[in-house]
Amino acid sequence: MIEEASDPLAKITLSPRGFIVVLATVALLVGLILALIPVHVAGPDPAMPASVSCGNTIGGVETGSVAAGLDQPDRETMVSYVDMCERAIGDRIFYSWPMFFGGGLVIIWLGVVRSRVR
């Protein structure tokens, strides 16, 4: 009898299910990190580049940190920066939450659905 040689790459390559697990885990972690990292917008003075911290996607706009970053601005400037921060946080939510929940749902789905036995 002739014995078939095993494929050496089969030992180091991922199965399709394993690859999906890796991608889902990466999506879950990247989404969580993007949701927790604070959002920043540009400061008011272009001559002195600075950034104003707005808060993160979970807590929303933190007006105290916006006011501290602007050195006690007038009401009109504060309203303008709160609006900018809300739009910046909304842009971050557009990417972070679908990645987080999509990765979590895929991991749950892979835990519930059995793989085919061949």
PDB file of N, CA and C in Angstrom:
ATOM      1  N   MET A   1       0.809  -1.184   0.000  1.00  0.00           N
ATOM      2  CA  MET A   1       0.000   0.000   0.000  1.00  0.00           C
ATOM      3  C   MET A   1       0.856   1.253   0.000  1.00  0.00           C
ATOM      4  N   ILE A   2       0.412   2.197  -0.772  1.00  0.00           N
ATOM      5  CA  ILE A   2       1.128   3.464  -0.845  1.00  0.00           C
ATOM      6  C   ILE A   2       0.438   4.448   0.095  1.00  0.00           C
ATOM      7  N   GLU A   3       1.219   5.014   0.955  1.00  0.00           N
ATOM      8  CA  GLU A   3       0.677   5.974   1.921  1.00  0.00           C
ATOM      9  C   GLU A   3       0.709   7.367   1.308  1.00  0.00           C
ATOM     10  N   GLU A   4      -0.401   8.109   1.416  1.00  0.00           N
ATOM     11  CA  GLU A   4      -0.462   9.459   0.863  1.00  0.00           C
ATOM     12  C   GLU A   4       0.307  10.421   1.757  1.00  0.00           C
ATOM     13  N   ALA A   5       1.048  11.301   1.127  1.00  0.00           N
ATOM     14  CA  ALA A   5       1.795  12.309   1.879  1.00  0.00           C
ATOM     15  C   ALA A   5       0.841  13.393   2.361  1.00  0.00           C
ATOM     16  N   SER A   6       0.982  13.750   3.603  1.00  0.00           N
ATOM     17  CA  SER A   6       0.100  14.796   4.141  1.00  0.00           C
ATOM     18  C   SER A   6       0.582  16.166   3.661  1.00  0.00           C
ATOM     19  N   ASP A   7      -0.348  17.076   3.582  1.00  0.00           N
ATOM     20  CA  ASP A   7      -0.054  18.426   3.134  1.00  0.00           C
ATOM     21  C   ASP A   7       0.615  19.191   4.273  1.00  0.00           C
ATOM     22  N   PRO A   8       1.835  19.695   4.093  1.00  0.00           N
ATOM     23  CA  PRO A   8       2.496  20.414   5.190  1.00  0.00           C
ATOM     24  C   PRO A   8       1.814  21.738   5.527  1.00  0.00           C
ATOM     25  N   LEU A   9       1.113  22.352   4.571  1.00  0.00           N
ATOM     26  CA  LEU A   9       0.426  23.609   4.862  1.00  0.00           C
ATOM     27  C   LEU A   9      -0.838  23.408   5.672  1.00  0.00           C
ATOM     28  N   ALA A  10      -1.367  22.201   5.681  1.00  0.00           N
ATOM     29  CA  ALA A  10      -2.591  21.940   6.438  1.00  0.00           C
ATOM     30  C   ALA A  10      -2.367  22.112   7.935  1.00  0.00           C
ATOM     31  N   LYS A  11      -1.137  21.991   8.377  1.00  0.00           N
ATOM     32  CA  LYS A  11      -0.841  22.129   9.802  1.00  0.00           C
ATOM     33  C   LYS A  11      -0.831  23.584  10.259  1.00  0.00           C
ATOM     34  N   ILE A  12      -0.569  24.519   9.334  1.00  0.00           N
ATOM     35  CA  ILE A  12      -0.431  25.913   9.744  1.00  0.00           C
ATOM     36  C   ILE A  12      -1.534  26.821   9.219  1.00  0.00           C
ATOM     37  N   THR A  13      -2.372  26.338   8.321  1.00  0.00           N
ATOM     38  CA  THR A  13      -3.441  27.187   7.793  1.00  0.00           C
ATOM     39  C   THR A  13      -4.695  27.042   8.629  1.00  0.00           C
ATOM     40  N   LEU A  14      -5.486  28.098   8.639  1.00  0.00           N
ATOM     41  CA  LEU A  14      -6.742  28.088   9.382  1.00  0.00           C
ATOM     42  C   LEU A  14      -7.852  27.473   8.544  1.00  0.00           C
ATOM     43  N   SER A  15      -8.755  26.838   9.222  1.00  0.00           N
ATOM     44  CA  SER A  15      -9.955  26.369   8.541  1.00  0.00           C
ATOM     45  C   SER A  15     -10.840  27.588   8.275  1.00  0.00           C
ATOM     46  N   PRO A  16     -11.820  27.484   7.383  1.00  0.00           N
ATOM     47  CA  PRO A  16     -12.706  28.631   7.155  1.00  0.00           C
ATOM     48  C   PRO A  16     -13.410  29.091   8.432  1.00  0.00           C
ATOM     49  N   ARG A  17     -13.818  28.150   9.266  1.00  0.00           N
ATOM     50  CA  ARG A  17     -14.476  28.502  10.527  1.00  0.00           C
ATOM     51  C   ARG A  17     -13.507  29.231  11.471  1.00  0.00           C
ATOM     52  N   GLY A  18     -12.263  28.785  11.530  1.00  0.00           N
ATOM     53  CA  GLY A  18     -11.260  29.450  12.359  1.00  0.00           C
ATOM     54  C   GLY A  18     -10.951  30.854  11.866  1.00  0.00           C
ATOM     55  N   PHE A  19     -10.915  31.007  10.540  1.00  0.00           N
ATOM     56  CA  PHE A  19     -10.677  32.327   9.955  1.00  0.00           C
ATOM     57  C   PHE A  19     -11.815  33.286  10.300  1.00  0.00           C
ATOM     58  N   ILE A  20     -13.045  32.801  10.268  1.00  0.00           N
ATOM     59  CA  ILE A  20     -14.203  33.631  10.631  1.00  0.00           C
ATOM     60  C   ILE A  20     -14.135  34.018  12.095  1.00  0.00           C
ATOM     61  N   VAL A  21     -13.697  33.101  12.950  1.00  0.00           N
ATOM     62  CA  VAL A  21     -13.553  33.411  14.377  1.00  0.00           C
ATOM     63  C   VAL A  21     -12.521  34.521  14.580  1.00  0.00           C
ATOM     64  N   VAL A  22     -11.402  34.442  13.868  1.00  0.00           N
ATOM     65  CA  VAL A  22     -10.361  35.469  13.995  1.00  0.00           C
ATOM     66  C   VAL A  22     -10.892  36.822  13.526  1.00  0.00           C
ATOM     67  N   LEU A  23     -11.558  36.845  12.375  1.00  0.00           N
ATOM     68  CA  LEU A  23     -12.106  38.109  11.868  1.00  0.00           C
ATOM     69  C   LEU A  23     -13.162  38.691  12.807  1.00  0.00           C
ATOM     70  N   ALA A  24     -14.036  37.849  13.338  1.00  0.00           N
ATOM     71  CA  ALA A  24     -15.074  38.330  14.251  1.00  0.00           C
ATOM     72  C   ALA A  24     -14.461  38.867  15.538  1.00  0.00           C
ATOM     73  N   THR A  25     -13.434  38.207  16.039  1.00  0.00           N
ATOM     74  CA  THR A  25     -12.774  38.673  17.259  1.00  0.00           C
ATOM     75  C   THR A  25     -12.081  40.011  17.023  1.00  0.00           C
ATOM     76  N   VAL A  26     -11.428  40.156  15.890  1.00  0.00           N
ATOM     77  CA  VAL A  26     -10.778  41.427  15.556  1.00  0.00           C
ATOM     78  C   VAL A  26     -11.819  42.540  15.430  1.00  0.00           C
ATOM     79  N   ALA A  27     -12.947  42.255  14.761  1.00  0.00           N
ATOM     80  CA  ALA A  27     -14.006  43.255  14.621  1.00  0.00           C
ATOM     81  C   ALA A  27     -14.568  43.648  15.982  1.00  0.00           C
ATOM     82  N   LEU A  28     -14.777  42.674  16.849  1.00  0.00           N
ATOM     83  CA  LEU A  28     -15.297  42.949  18.193  1.00  0.00           C
ATOM     84  C   LEU A  28     -14.339  43.839  18.973  1.00  0.00           C
ATOM     85  N   LEU A  29     -13.057  43.512  18.955  1.00  0.00           N
ATOM     86  CA  LEU A  29     -12.081  44.287  19.719  1.00  0.00           C
ATOM     87  C   LEU A  29     -11.857  45.685  19.138  1.00  0.00           C
ATOM     88  N   VAL A  30     -11.765  45.787  17.819  1.00  0.00           N
ATOM     89  CA  VAL A  30     -11.574  47.105  17.201  1.00  0.00           C
ATOM     90  C   VAL A  30     -12.785  47.995  17.454  1.00  0.00           C
ATOM     91  N   GLY A  31     -13.993  47.420  17.349  1.00  0.00           N
ATOM     92  CA  GLY A  31     -15.199  48.191  17.637  1.00  0.00           C
ATOM     93  C   GLY A  31     -15.240  48.680  19.076  1.00  0.00           C
ATOM     94  N   LEU A  32     -14.844  47.818  20.013  1.00  0.00           N
ATOM     95  CA  LEU A  32     -14.823  48.216  21.425  1.00  0.00           C
ATOM     96  C   LEU A  32     -13.784  49.300  21.679  1.00  0.00           C
ATOM     97  N   ILE A  33     -12.611  49.150  21.095  1.00  0.00           N
ATOM     98  CA  ILE A  33     -11.561  50.158  21.290  1.00  0.00           C
ATOM     99  C   ILE A  33     -11.982  51.502  20.691  1.00  0.00           C
ATOM    100  N   LEU A  34     -12.558  51.473  19.482  1.00  0.00           N
ATOM    101  CA  LEU A  34     -13.019  52.720  18.864  1.00  0.00           C
ATOM    102  C   LEU A  34     -14.150  53.370  19.664  1.00  0.00           C
ATOM    103  N   ALA A  35     -14.968  52.568  20.320  1.00  0.00           N
ATOM    104  CA  ALA A  35     -16.058  53.123  21.118  1.00  0.00           C
ATOM    105  C   ALA A  35     -15.543  53.775  22.400  1.00  0.00           C
ATOM    106  N   LEU A  36     -14.450  53.268  22.943  1.00  0.00           N
ATOM    107  CA  LEU A  36     -13.960  53.771  24.224  1.00  0.00           C
ATOM    108  C   LEU A  36     -12.919  54.885  24.117  1.00  0.00           C
ATOM    109  N   ILE A  37     -12.215  54.961  23.016  1.00  0.00           N
ATOM    110  CA  ILE A  37     -11.190  56.000  22.860  1.00  0.00           C
ATOM    111  C   ILE A  37     -11.873  57.353  22.669  1.00  0.00           C
ATOM    112  N   PRO A  38     -11.412  58.390  23.370  1.00  0.00           N
ATOM    113  CA  PRO A  38     -12.042  59.704  23.237  1.00  0.00           C
ATOM    114  C   PRO A  38     -11.892  60.290  21.828  1.00  0.00           C
ATOM    115  N   VAL A  39     -12.913  61.023  21.414  1.00  0.00           N
ATOM    116  CA  VAL A  39     -12.921  61.706  20.121  1.00  0.00           C
ATOM    117  C   VAL A  39     -12.353  63.110  20.340  1.00  0.00           C
ATOM    118  N   HIS A  40     -11.537  63.577  19.408  1.00  0.00           N
ATOM    119  CA  HIS A  40     -10.945  64.915  19.490  1.00  0.00           C
ATOM    120  C   HIS A  40     -11.305  65.702  18.234  1.00  0.00           C
ATOM    121  N   VAL A  41     -11.453  67.004  18.391  1.00  0.00           N
ATOM    122  CA  VAL A  41     -11.633  67.916  17.263  1.00  0.00           C
ATOM    123  C   VAL A  41     -10.544  68.982  17.355  1.00  0.00           C
ATOM    124  N   ALA A  42     -10.341  69.714  16.265  1.00  0.00           N
ATOM    125  CA  ALA A  42      -9.289  70.733  16.220  1.00  0.00           C
ATOM    126  C   ALA A  42      -9.637  71.902  17.130  1.00  0.00           C
ATOM    127  N   GLY A  43      -8.609  72.511  17.667  1.00  0.00           N
ATOM    128  CA  GLY A  43      -8.784  73.678  18.523  1.00  0.00           C
ATOM    129  C   GLY A  43      -9.126  74.923  17.722  1.00  0.00           C
ATOM    130  N   PRO A  44      -9.498  76.009  18.404  1.00  0.00           N
ATOM    131  CA  PRO A  44      -9.966  77.214  17.716  1.00  0.00           C
ATOM    132  C   PRO A  44      -8.866  78.068  17.092  1.00  0.00           C
ATOM    133  N   ASP A  45      -7.648  77.936  17.547  1.00  0.00           N
ATOM    134  CA  ASP A  45      -6.576  78.814  17.069  1.00  0.00           C
ATOM    135  C   ASP A  45      -5.665  78.058  16.113  1.00  0.00           C
ATOM    136  N   PRO A  46      -5.706  78.391  14.802  1.00  0.00           N
ATOM    137  CA  PRO A  46      -4.851  77.670  13.853  1.00  0.00           C
ATOM    138  C   PRO A  46      -3.362  77.973  14.041  1.00  0.00           C
ATOM    139  N   ALA A  47      -3.037  79.067  14.678  1.00  0.00           N
ATOM    140  CA  ALA A  47      -1.638  79.398  14.905  1.00  0.00           C
ATOM    141  C   ALA A  47      -1.024  78.486  15.961  1.00  0.00           C
ATOM    142  N   MET A  48      -1.841  78.034  16.905  1.00  0.00           N
ATOM    143  CA  MET A  48      -1.393  77.102  17.943  1.00  0.00           C
ATOM    144  C   MET A  48      -2.211  75.823  17.809  1.00  0.00           C
ATOM    145  N   PRO A  49      -1.727  74.866  17.032  1.00  0.00           N
ATOM    146  CA  PRO A  49      -2.503  73.642  16.835  1.00  0.00           C
ATOM    147  C   PRO A  49      -2.725  72.906  18.154  1.00  0.00           C
ATOM    148  N   ALA A  50      -3.969  72.623  18.431  1.00  0.00           N
ATOM    149  CA  ALA A  50      -4.349  71.895  19.634  1.00  0.00           C
ATOM    150  C   ALA A  50      -5.609  71.103  19.325  1.00  0.00           C
ATOM    151  N   SER A  51      -5.959  70.192  20.208  1.00  0.00           N
ATOM    152  CA  SER A  51      -7.193  69.445  20.022  1.00  0.00           C
ATOM    153  C   SER A  51      -8.038  69.550  21.280  1.00  0.00           C
ATOM    154  N   VAL A  52      -9.335  69.457  21.065  1.00  0.00           N
ATOM    155  CA  VAL A  52     -10.293  69.532  22.161  1.00  0.00           C
ATOM    156  C   VAL A  52     -10.901  68.157  22.318  1.00  0.00           C
ATOM    157  N   SER A  53     -10.856  67.609  23.523  1.00  0.00           N
ATOM    158  CA  SER A  53     -11.425  66.291  23.791  1.00  0.00           C
ATOM    159  C   SER A  53     -12.938  66.399  23.934  1.00  0.00           C
ATOM    160  N   CYS A  54     -13.664  65.555  23.208  1.00  0.00           N
ATOM    161  CA  CYS A  54     -15.125  65.621  23.199  1.00  0.00           C
ATOM    162  C   CYS A  54     -15.781  64.573  24.093  1.00  0.00           C
ATOM    163  N   GLY A  55     -15.118  63.496  24.360  1.00  0.00           N
ATOM    164  CA  GLY A  55     -15.726  62.370  25.057  1.00  0.00           C
ATOM    165  C   GLY A  55     -15.688  61.156  24.143  1.00  0.00           C
ATOM    166  N   ASN A  56     -16.389  60.090  24.523  1.00  0.00           N
ATOM    167  CA  ASN A  56     -16.397  58.900  23.682  1.00  0.00           C
ATOM    168  C   ASN A  56     -17.814  58.576  23.213  1.00  0.00           C
ATOM    169  N   THR A  57     -17.946  57.503  22.461  1.00  0.00           N
ATOM    170  CA  THR A  57     -19.252  57.190  21.878  1.00  0.00           C
ATOM    171  C   THR A  57     -20.234  56.658  22.908  1.00  0.00           C
ATOM    172  N   ILE A  58     -19.758  56.184  24.015  1.00  0.00           N
ATOM    173  CA  ILE A  58     -20.660  55.638  25.031  1.00  0.00           C
ATOM    174  C   ILE A  58     -21.218  56.748  25.911  1.00  0.00           C
ATOM    175  N   GLY A  59     -20.378  57.692  26.323  1.00  0.00           N
ATOM    176  CA  GLY A  59     -20.809  58.763  27.214  1.00  0.00           C
ATOM    177  C   GLY A  59     -21.341  59.990  26.515  1.00  0.00           C
ATOM    178  N   GLY A  60     -21.008  60.163  25.250  1.00  0.00           N
ATOM    179  CA  GLY A  60     -21.450  61.350  24.526  1.00  0.00           C
ATOM    180  C   GLY A  60     -20.519  62.524  24.766  1.00  0.00           C
ATOM    181  N   VAL A  61     -21.000  63.703  24.393  1.00  0.00           N
ATOM    182  CA  VAL A  61     -20.189  64.919  24.512  1.00  0.00           C
ATOM    183  C   VAL A  61     -20.091  65.326  25.974  1.00  0.00           C
ATOM    184  N   GLU A  62     -18.866  65.534  26.430  1.00  0.00           N
ATOM    185  CA  GLU A  62     -18.626  66.001  27.797  1.00  0.00           C
ATOM    186  C   GLU A  62     -18.337  67.498  27.727  1.00  0.00           C
ATOM    187  N   THR A  63     -19.344  68.305  28.067  1.00  0.00           N
ATOM    188  CA  THR A  63     -19.210  69.752  27.921  1.00  0.00           C
ATOM    189  C   THR A  63     -18.138  70.329  28.840  1.00  0.00           C
ATOM    190  N   GLY A  64     -17.896  69.693  29.959  1.00  0.00           N
ATOM    191  CA  GLY A  64     -16.850  70.179  30.859  1.00  0.00           C
ATOM    192  C   GLY A  64     -15.468  70.090  30.232  1.00  0.00           C
ATOM    193  N   SER A  65     -15.182  68.969  29.579  1.00  0.00           N
ATOM    194  CA  SER A  65     -13.860  68.837  28.953  1.00  0.00           C
ATOM    195  C   SER A  65     -13.745  69.709  27.700  1.00  0.00           C
ATOM    196  N   VAL A  66     -14.869  69.937  27.008  1.00  0.00           N
ATOM    197  CA  VAL A  66     -14.848  70.837  25.851  1.00  0.00           C
ATOM    198  C   VAL A  66     -14.554  72.256  26.321  1.00  0.00           C
ATOM    199  N   ALA A  67     -15.216  72.704  27.390  1.00  0.00           N
ATOM    200  CA  ALA A  67     -14.989  74.054  27.920  1.00  0.00           C
ATOM    201  C   ALA A  67     -13.565  74.200  28.444  1.00  0.00           C
ATOM    202  N   ALA A  68     -13.038  73.154  29.091  1.00  0.00           N
ATOM    203  CA  ALA A  68     -11.662  73.223  29.594  1.00  0.00           C
ATOM    204  C   ALA A  68     -10.655  73.277  28.440  1.00  0.00           C
ATOM    205  N   GLY A  69     -10.945  72.563  27.354  1.00  0.00           N
ATOM    206  CA  GLY A  69     -10.053  72.586  26.202  1.00  0.00           C
ATOM    207  C   GLY A  69     -10.079  73.907  25.460  1.00  0.00           C
ATOM    208  N   LEU A  70     -11.168  74.659  25.602  1.00  0.00           N
ATOM    209  CA  LEU A  70     -11.294  75.955  24.929  1.00  0.00           C
ATOM    210  C   LEU A  70     -10.959  77.133  25.838  1.00  0.00           C
ATOM    211  N   ASP A  71     -10.598  76.897  27.078  1.00  0.00           N
ATOM    212  CA  ASP A  71     -10.265  77.942  28.051  1.00  0.00           C
ATOM    213  C   ASP A  71     -11.433  78.895  28.284  1.00  0.00           C
ATOM    214  N   GLN A  72     -12.547  78.366  28.732  1.00  0.00           N
ATOM    215  CA  GLN A  72     -13.749  79.128  29.093  1.00  0.00           C
ATOM    216  C   GLN A  72     -14.231  80.035  27.956  1.00  0.00           C
ATOM    217  N   PRO A  73     -14.787  79.443  26.912  1.00  0.00           N
ATOM    218  CA  PRO A  73     -15.232  80.224  25.749  1.00  0.00           C
ATOM    219  C   PRO A  73     -16.571  80.909  25.999  1.00  0.00           C
ATOM    220  N   ASP A  74     -16.951  81.784  25.059  1.00  0.00           N
ATOM    221  CA  ASP A  74     -18.281  82.381  25.140  1.00  0.00           C
ATOM    222  C   ASP A  74     -19.322  81.348  24.712  1.00  0.00           C
ATOM    223  N   ARG A  75     -20.586  81.681  24.897  1.00  0.00           N
ATOM    224  CA  ARG A  75     -21.682  80.730  24.661  1.00  0.00           C
ATOM    225  C   ARG A  75     -21.752  80.281  23.198  1.00  0.00           C
ATOM    226  N   GLU A  76     -21.560  81.195  22.257  1.00  0.00           N
ATOM    227  CA  GLU A  76     -21.663  80.856  20.835  1.00  0.00           C
ATOM    228  C   GLU A  76     -20.572  79.871  20.406  1.00  0.00           C
ATOM    229  N   THR A  77     -19.356  80.093  20.877  1.00  0.00           N
ATOM    230  CA  THR A  77     -18.251  79.184  20.560  1.00  0.00           C
ATOM    231  C   THR A  77     -18.493  77.817  21.183  1.00  0.00           C
ATOM    232  N   MET A  78     -19.011  77.815  22.403  1.00  0.00           N
ATOM    233  CA  MET A  78     -19.283  76.544  23.088  1.00  0.00           C
ATOM    234  C   MET A  78     -20.343  75.739  22.336  1.00  0.00           C
ATOM    235  N   VAL A  79     -21.408  76.395  21.889  1.00  0.00           N
ATOM    236  CA  VAL A  79     -22.467  75.707  21.142  1.00  0.00           C
ATOM    237  C   VAL A  79     -21.913  75.155  19.832  1.00  0.00           C
ATOM    238  N   SER A  80     -21.057  75.925  19.189  1.00  0.00           N
ATOM    239  CA  SER A  80     -20.449  75.490  17.931  1.00  0.00           C
ATOM    240  C   SER A  80     -19.578  74.249  18.143  1.00  0.00           C
ATOM    241  N   TYR A  81     -18.796  74.245  19.213  1.00  0.00           N
ATOM    242  CA  TYR A  81     -17.928  73.100  19.481  1.00  0.00           C
ATOM    243  C   TYR A  81     -18.712  71.882  19.951  1.00  0.00           C
ATOM    244  N   VAL A  82     -19.764  72.080  20.699  1.00  0.00           N
ATOM    245  CA  VAL A  82     -20.598  70.936  21.095  1.00  0.00           C
ATOM    246  C   VAL A  82     -21.225  70.303  19.862  1.00  0.00           C
ATOM    247  N   ASP A  83     -21.668  71.138  18.906  1.00  0.00           N
ATOM    248  CA  ASP A  83     -22.215  70.603  17.658  1.00  0.00           C
ATOM    249  C   ASP A  83     -21.146  69.838  16.880  1.00  0.00           C
ATOM    250  N   MET A  84     -19.927  70.390  16.790  1.00  0.00           N
ATOM    251  CA  MET A  84     -18.837  69.692  16.103  1.00  0.00           C
ATOM    252  C   MET A  84     -18.534  68.358  16.774  1.00  0.00           C
ATOM    253  N   CYS A  85     -18.531  68.359  18.098  1.00  0.00           N
ATOM    254  CA  CYS A  85     -18.242  67.134  18.839  1.00  0.00           C
ATOM    255  C   CYS A  85     -19.337  66.091  18.630  1.00  0.00           C
ATOM    256  N   GLU A  86     -20.586  66.520  18.622  1.00  0.00           N
ATOM    257  CA  GLU A  86     -21.682  65.572  18.387  1.00  0.00           C
ATOM    258  C   GLU A  86     -21.568  64.940  17.008  1.00  0.00           C
ATOM    259  N   ARG A  87     -21.215  65.728  15.999  1.00  0.00           N
ATOM    260  CA  ARG A  87     -21.046  65.172  14.652  1.00  0.00           C
ATOM    261  C   ARG A  87     -19.847  64.232  14.581  1.00  0.00           C
ATOM    262  N   ALA A  88     -18.752  64.573  15.261  1.00  0.00           N
ATOM    263  CA  ALA A  88     -17.564  63.709  15.264  1.00  0.00           C
ATOM    264  C   ALA A  88     -17.854  62.394  15.989  1.00  0.00           C
ATOM    265  N   ILE A  89     -18.575  62.457  17.085  1.00  0.00           N
ATOM    266  CA  ILE A  89     -18.937  61.236  17.809  1.00  0.00           C
ATOM    267  C   ILE A  89     -19.907  60.405  16.979  1.00  0.00           C
ATOM    268  N   GLY A  90     -20.824  61.059  16.275  1.00  0.00           N
ATOM    269  CA  GLY A  90     -21.746  60.330  15.393  1.00  0.00           C
ATOM    270  C   GLY A  90     -21.015  59.595  14.285  1.00  0.00           C
ATOM    271  N   ASP A  91     -19.973  60.228  13.737  1.00  0.00           N
ATOM    272  CA  ASP A  91     -19.164  59.552  12.720  1.00  0.00           C
ATOM    273  C   ASP A  91     -18.458  58.334  13.301  1.00  0.00           C
ATOM    274  N   ARG A  92     -17.952  58.459  14.528  1.00  0.00           N
ATOM    275  CA  ARG A  92     -17.274  57.329  15.168  1.00  0.00           C
ATOM    276  C   ARG A  92     -18.264  56.208  15.473  1.00  0.00           C
ATOM    277  N   ILE A  93     -19.482  56.555  15.896  1.00  0.00           N
ATOM    278  CA  ILE A  93     -20.509  55.545  16.188  1.00  0.00           C
ATOM    279  C   ILE A  93     -20.849  54.753  14.929  1.00  0.00           C
ATOM    280  N   PHE A  94     -20.860  55.432  13.778  1.00  0.00           N
ATOM    281  CA  PHE A  94     -21.204  54.795  12.509  1.00  0.00           C
ATOM    282  C   PHE A  94     -20.294  53.605  12.209  1.00  0.00           C
ATOM    283  N   TYR A  95     -19.030  53.663  12.659  1.00  0.00           N
ATOM    284  CA  TYR A  95     -18.094  52.574  12.411  1.00  0.00           C
ATOM    285  C   TYR A  95     -17.923  51.637  13.602  1.00  0.00           C
ATOM    286  N   SER A  96     -17.865  52.175  14.803  1.00  0.00           N
ATOM    287  CA  SER A  96     -17.492  51.344  15.946  1.00  0.00           C
ATOM    288  C   SER A  96     -18.597  50.399  16.401  1.00  0.00           C
ATOM    289  N   TRP A  97     -19.808  50.877  16.514  1.00  0.00           N
ATOM    290  CA  TRP A  97     -20.870  50.012  17.033  1.00  0.00           C
ATOM    291  C   TRP A  97     -21.234  48.867  16.100  1.00  0.00           C
ATOM    292  N   PRO A  98     -21.361  49.074  14.775  1.00  0.00           N
ATOM    293  CA  PRO A  98     -21.621  47.907  13.915  1.00  0.00           C
ATOM    294  C   PRO A  98     -20.496  46.882  13.953  1.00  0.00           C
ATOM    295  N   MET A  99     -19.243  47.333  14.071  1.00  0.00           N
ATOM    296  CA  MET A  99     -18.136  46.375  14.165  1.00  0.00           C
ATOM    297  C   MET A  99     -18.235  45.583  15.458  1.00  0.00           C
ATOM    298  N   PHE A 100     -18.516  46.262  16.562  1.00  0.00           N
ATOM    299  CA  PHE A 100     -18.597  45.596  17.858  1.00  0.00           C
ATOM    300  C   PHE A 100     -19.758  44.602  17.889  1.00  0.00           C
ATOM    301  N   PHE A 101     -20.954  45.054  17.525  1.00  0.00           N
ATOM    302  CA  PHE A 101     -22.107  44.165  17.591  1.00  0.00           C
ATOM    303  C   PHE A 101     -22.056  43.083  16.513  1.00  0.00           C
ATOM    304  N   GLY A 102     -21.537  43.402  15.332  1.00  0.00           N
ATOM    305  CA  GLY A 102     -21.403  42.392  14.287  1.00  0.00           C
ATOM    306  C   GLY A 102     -20.433  41.299  14.690  1.00  0.00           C
ATOM    307  N   GLY A 103     -19.284  41.676  15.240  1.00  0.00           N
ATOM    308  CA  GLY A 103     -18.323  40.678  15.717  1.00  0.00           C
ATOM    309  C   GLY A 103     -18.894  39.833  16.832  1.00  0.00           C
ATOM    310  N   GLY A 104     -19.624  40.465  17.758  1.00  0.00           N
ATOM    311  CA  GLY A 104     -20.246  39.708  18.844  1.00  0.00           C
ATOM    312  C   GLY A 104     -21.304  38.738  18.347  1.00  0.00           C
ATOM    313  N   LEU A 105     -22.120  39.178  17.395  1.00  0.00           N
ATOM    314  CA  LEU A 105     -23.152  38.290  16.856  1.00  0.00           C
ATOM    315  C   LEU A 105     -22.551  37.108  16.108  1.00  0.00           C
ATOM    316  N   VAL A 106     -21.485  37.338  15.368  1.00  0.00           N
ATOM    317  CA  VAL A 106     -20.837  36.230  14.651  1.00  0.00           C
ATOM    318  C   VAL A 106     -20.232  35.240  15.635  1.00  0.00           C
ATOM    319  N   ILE A 107     -19.622  35.732  16.706  1.00  0.00           N
ATOM    320  CA  ILE A 107     -19.052  34.826  17.709  1.00  0.00           C
ATOM    321  C   ILE A 107     -20.165  34.025  18.382  1.00  0.00           C
ATOM    322  N   ILE A 108     -21.273  34.673  18.704  1.00  0.00           N
ATOM    323  CA  ILE A 108     -22.406  33.945  19.290  1.00  0.00           C
ATOM    324  C   ILE A 108     -22.948  32.925  18.294  1.00  0.00           C
ATOM    325  N   TRP A 109     -23.078  33.312  17.029  1.00  0.00           N
ATOM    326  CA  TRP A 109     -23.589  32.402  16.002  1.00  0.00           C
ATOM    327  C   TRP A 109     -22.675  31.184  15.855  1.00  0.00           C
ATOM    328  N   LEU A 110     -21.372  31.406  15.869  1.00  0.00           N
ATOM    329  CA  LEU A 110     -20.451  30.286  15.744  1.00  0.00           C
ATOM    330  C   LEU A 110     -20.493  29.381  16.971  1.00  0.00           C
ATOM    331  N   GLY A 111     -20.838  29.934  18.118  1.00  0.00           N
ATOM    332  CA  GLY A 111     -20.988  29.117  19.309  1.00  0.00           C
ATOM    333  C   GLY A 111     -22.251  28.287  19.317  1.00  0.00           C
ATOM    334  N   VAL A 112     -23.280  28.756  18.636  1.00  0.00           N
ATOM    335  CA  VAL A 112     -24.572  28.066  18.630  1.00  0.00           C
ATOM    336  C   VAL A 112     -24.671  27.074  17.479  1.00  0.00           C
ATOM    337  N   VAL A 113     -24.215  27.463  16.311  1.00  0.00           N
ATOM    338  CA  VAL A 113     -24.353  26.622  15.117  1.00  0.00           C
ATOM    339  C   VAL A 113     -23.204  25.606  15.077  1.00  0.00           C
ATOM    340  N   ARG A 114     -23.553  24.369  14.885  1.00  0.00           N
ATOM    341  CA  ARG A 114     -22.553  23.310  14.801  1.00  0.00           C
ATOM    342  C   ARG A 114     -21.862  23.316  13.445  1.00  0.00           C
ATOM    343  N   SER A 115     -20.614  22.900  13.452  1.00  0.00           N
ATOM    344  CA  SER A 115     -19.922  22.744  12.178  1.00  0.00           C
ATOM    345  C   SER A 115     -20.229  21.360  11.629  1.00  0.00           C
ATOM    346  N   ARG A 116     -20.160  21.241  10.316  1.00  0.00           N
ATOM    347  CA  ARG A 116     -20.460  19.970   9.680  1.00  0.00           C
ATOM    348  C   ARG A 116     -19.335  18.975   9.944  1.00  0.00           C
ATOM    349  N   VAL A 117     -19.721  17.745  10.213  1.00  0.00           N
ATOM    350  CA  VAL A 117     -18.744  16.684  10.392  1.00  0.00           C
ATOM    351  C   VAL A 117     -18.513  16.042   9.025  1.00  0.00           C
ATOM    352  N   ARG A 118     -17.276  15.938   8.625  1.00  0.00           N
ATOM    353  CA  ARG A 118     -16.988  15.385   7.287  1.00  0.00           C
ATOM    354  C   ARG A 118     -16.348  14.047   7.397  1.00  0.00           C
TER     355      ARG A 118
END
